[in-house]
Amino acid sequence: MYLTTYDPFARATRRAFNQSTVMPLDGIRRDGDVLLRFDVPGIDPESIEVTVDRGVLSVSVKRAEEHAESDKFFVRERTFGTFTRRLSLSKNLNADAVEAAYNNGILEVRIPVLEQAKPRKVEVRQGDENKELAA
C-alpha cells in the first residue's frame, strides 16, 4: 500500500517553489572577479548553455526524463525539462570575458571585474600638501 495525501494547493505551491530553486546559486565577489556557482546535478554537460546578451547572463540547462513506458510512478518529485536563470550584469563587469566550467554537478561562471571598477589605494598626503587640495 502506498501512502498518499491530497492537498489541492500543495501542487501549485510545490511547482512554484521548485521552479525558483531548480538552479540555486551562490554569488561570490572576489578581488578581480565575480564567481557564480549553480547547483545543476544530474545535468548532461552537453545541455548546458551560457550566454551573455546586452548585459544579461543566461544559464540554461536541460534535464531529460528517463523511464520506461511501463514504469508507474507512485512518487514523483524530481523536475525535468529546460530550466533558465537570467541575471543582469553590472556595468563594472567584463561581459566579453565570461568563462564557465562544469564539474561534479556544479557550474561555475567567472566574470572579471573591469579594471576601472577594481578597488585602488589612494595616497594620503601630509602637512602643507593638504592646502593644495582646498584651492
Protein backbone atom coordinates (compact mmCIF):
# COMPACT_ATOMS: atom_id res chain seq x y z
CA MET A 1 0.00 0.00 0.00
CA TYR A 2 1.26 3.48 -0.83
CA LEU A 3 0.83 6.43 1.47
CA THR A 4 -0.71 9.42 -0.27
CA THR A 5 -2.08 12.74 0.81
CA TYR A 6 -4.26 15.19 -1.03
CA ASP A 7 -3.91 18.92 -0.76
CA PRO A 8 -5.41 20.94 -3.63
CA PHE A 9 -2.98 23.81 -3.03
CA ALA A 10 0.17 21.77 -2.49
CA ARG A 11 0.81 21.03 -6.15
CA ALA A 12 0.75 24.70 -7.24
CA THR A 13 2.83 25.74 -4.24
CA ARG A 14 5.35 22.95 -4.80
CA ARG A 15 5.59 23.79 -8.51
CA ALA A 16 6.23 27.49 -7.79
CA PHE A 17 8.82 26.62 -5.14
CA ASN A 18 10.60 24.06 -7.34
CA GLN A 19 10.81 26.43 -10.29
CA SER A 20 12.56 29.04 -8.21
CA THR A 21 15.03 26.59 -6.66
CA VAL A 22 15.83 24.27 -9.55
CA MET A 23 19.13 26.04 -10.14
CA PRO A 24 20.13 27.61 -6.81
CA LEU A 25 23.27 29.71 -6.95
CA ASP A 26 25.92 31.34 -4.79
CA GLY A 27 27.42 34.65 -5.91
CA ILE A 28 30.91 35.42 -4.63
CA ARG A 29 32.73 38.74 -5.07
CA ARG A 30 36.50 38.29 -5.16
CA ASP A 31 39.33 40.76 -5.80
CA GLY A 32 39.36 40.54 -9.59
CA ASP A 33 36.13 38.80 -10.49
CA VAL A 34 32.68 37.60 -9.57
CA LEU A 35 32.12 33.85 -9.27
CA LEU A 36 28.67 32.33 -9.67
CA ARG A 37 28.17 28.71 -8.63
CA PHE A 38 24.99 27.00 -9.86
CA ASP A 39 23.84 23.64 -8.49
CA VAL A 40 22.86 21.54 -11.52
CA PRO A 41 23.20 17.88 -10.51
CA GLY A 42 22.18 15.21 -12.97
CA ILE A 43 22.59 17.52 -15.95
CA ASP A 44 24.32 16.38 -19.13
CA PRO A 45 27.18 18.88 -19.64
CA GLU A 46 26.31 18.98 -23.36
CA SER A 47 22.91 20.50 -22.48
CA ILE A 48 24.36 23.49 -20.59
CA GLU A 49 24.18 26.82 -22.39
CA VAL A 50 25.69 30.04 -21.01
CA THR A 51 25.10 33.26 -22.97
CA VAL A 52 25.56 36.98 -22.44
CA ASP A 53 23.35 39.37 -24.37
CA ARG A 54 23.07 43.10 -23.71
CA GLY A 55 24.25 42.81 -20.12
CA VAL A 56 22.12 39.79 -19.22
CA LEU A 57 23.75 36.48 -18.33
CA SER A 58 21.53 33.48 -19.14
CA VAL A 59 22.22 29.96 -17.94
CA SER A 60 20.04 27.22 -19.41
CA VAL A 61 20.20 23.51 -18.66
CA LYS A 62 18.11 20.55 -19.71
CA ARG A 63 17.32 17.51 -17.59
CA ALA A 64 15.93 14.67 -19.67
CA GLU A 65 13.31 12.37 -18.27
CA GLU A 66 14.45 8.75 -18.03
CA HIS A 67 11.88 5.99 -17.57
CA ALA A 68 10.38 3.08 -19.41
CA GLU A 69 6.85 3.22 -20.80
CA SER A 70 5.77 0.50 -18.38
CA ASP A 71 7.01 2.45 -15.31
CA LYS A 72 4.26 3.63 -12.99
CA PHE A 73 5.26 6.38 -10.60
CA PHE A 74 3.94 6.42 -7.04
CA VAL A 75 6.15 9.38 -6.03
CA ARG A 76 7.42 11.98 -8.47
CA GLU A 77 9.39 14.88 -7.03
CA ARG A 78 12.26 15.32 -9.48
CA THR A 79 11.81 18.01 -12.09
CA PHE A 80 12.55 17.57 -15.77
CA GLY A 81 12.74 19.89 -18.73
CA THR A 82 14.67 23.04 -19.58
CA PHE A 83 15.49 25.50 -16.80
CA THR A 84 16.88 29.00 -17.22
CA ARG A 85 18.26 31.61 -14.83
CA ARG A 86 18.85 35.17 -16.01
CA LEU A 87 20.96 37.71 -14.16
CA SER A 88 21.56 41.36 -15.02
CA LEU A 89 25.27 42.07 -15.01
CA SER A 90 26.68 45.24 -13.52
CA LYS A 91 28.38 47.64 -15.92
CA ASN A 92 31.50 47.11 -13.77
CA LEU A 93 31.84 43.53 -15.05
CA ASN A 94 33.56 42.48 -18.27
CA ALA A 95 30.76 40.61 -20.09
CA ASP A 96 33.12 39.90 -23.01
CA ALA A 97 35.40 37.73 -20.84
CA VAL A 98 32.90 35.39 -19.14
CA GLU A 99 34.21 31.86 -18.53
CA ALA A 100 32.25 28.75 -17.47
CA ALA A 101 33.23 25.30 -16.21
CA TYR A 102 31.17 22.29 -15.07
CA ASN A 103 32.40 19.75 -12.54
CA ASN A 104 30.58 17.28 -10.24
CA GLY A 105 27.15 18.86 -10.67
CA ILE A 106 28.33 22.46 -10.14
CA LEU A 107 28.50 25.02 -12.92
CA GLU A 108 30.96 27.83 -12.17
CA VAL A 109 30.71 31.05 -14.14
CA ARG A 110 33.54 33.56 -13.69
CA ILE A 111 33.06 37.20 -14.72
CA PRO A 112 36.08 39.51 -14.46
CA VAL A 113 35.70 42.96 -12.91
CA LEU A 114 36.69 45.80 -15.26
CA GLU A 115 39.98 47.44 -14.37
CA GLN A 116 38.41 50.84 -13.64
CA ALA A 117 36.00 49.20 -11.17
CA LYS A 118 38.68 47.46 -9.12
CA PRO A 119 39.50 48.96 -5.72
CA ARG A 120 42.60 51.10 -5.68
CA LYS A 121 44.61 52.66 -2.93
CA VAL A 122 44.51 56.44 -2.67
CA GLU A 123 47.64 58.21 -1.46
CA VAL A 124 47.12 60.31 1.65
CA ARG A 125 49.33 63.41 1.65
CA GLN A 126 50.56 65.08 4.80
CA GLY A 127 51.38 68.55 6.03
CA ASP A 128 51.36 71.52 3.65
CA GLU A 129 50.31 69.35 0.73
CA ASN A 130 46.70 69.41 2.06
CA LYS A 131 46.43 73.16 1.33
CA GLU A 132 46.68 72.46 -2.40
CA LEU A 133 43.54 70.28 -2.28
CA ALA A 134 41.41 73.13 -0.94
CA ALA A 135 42.40 75.50 -3.74
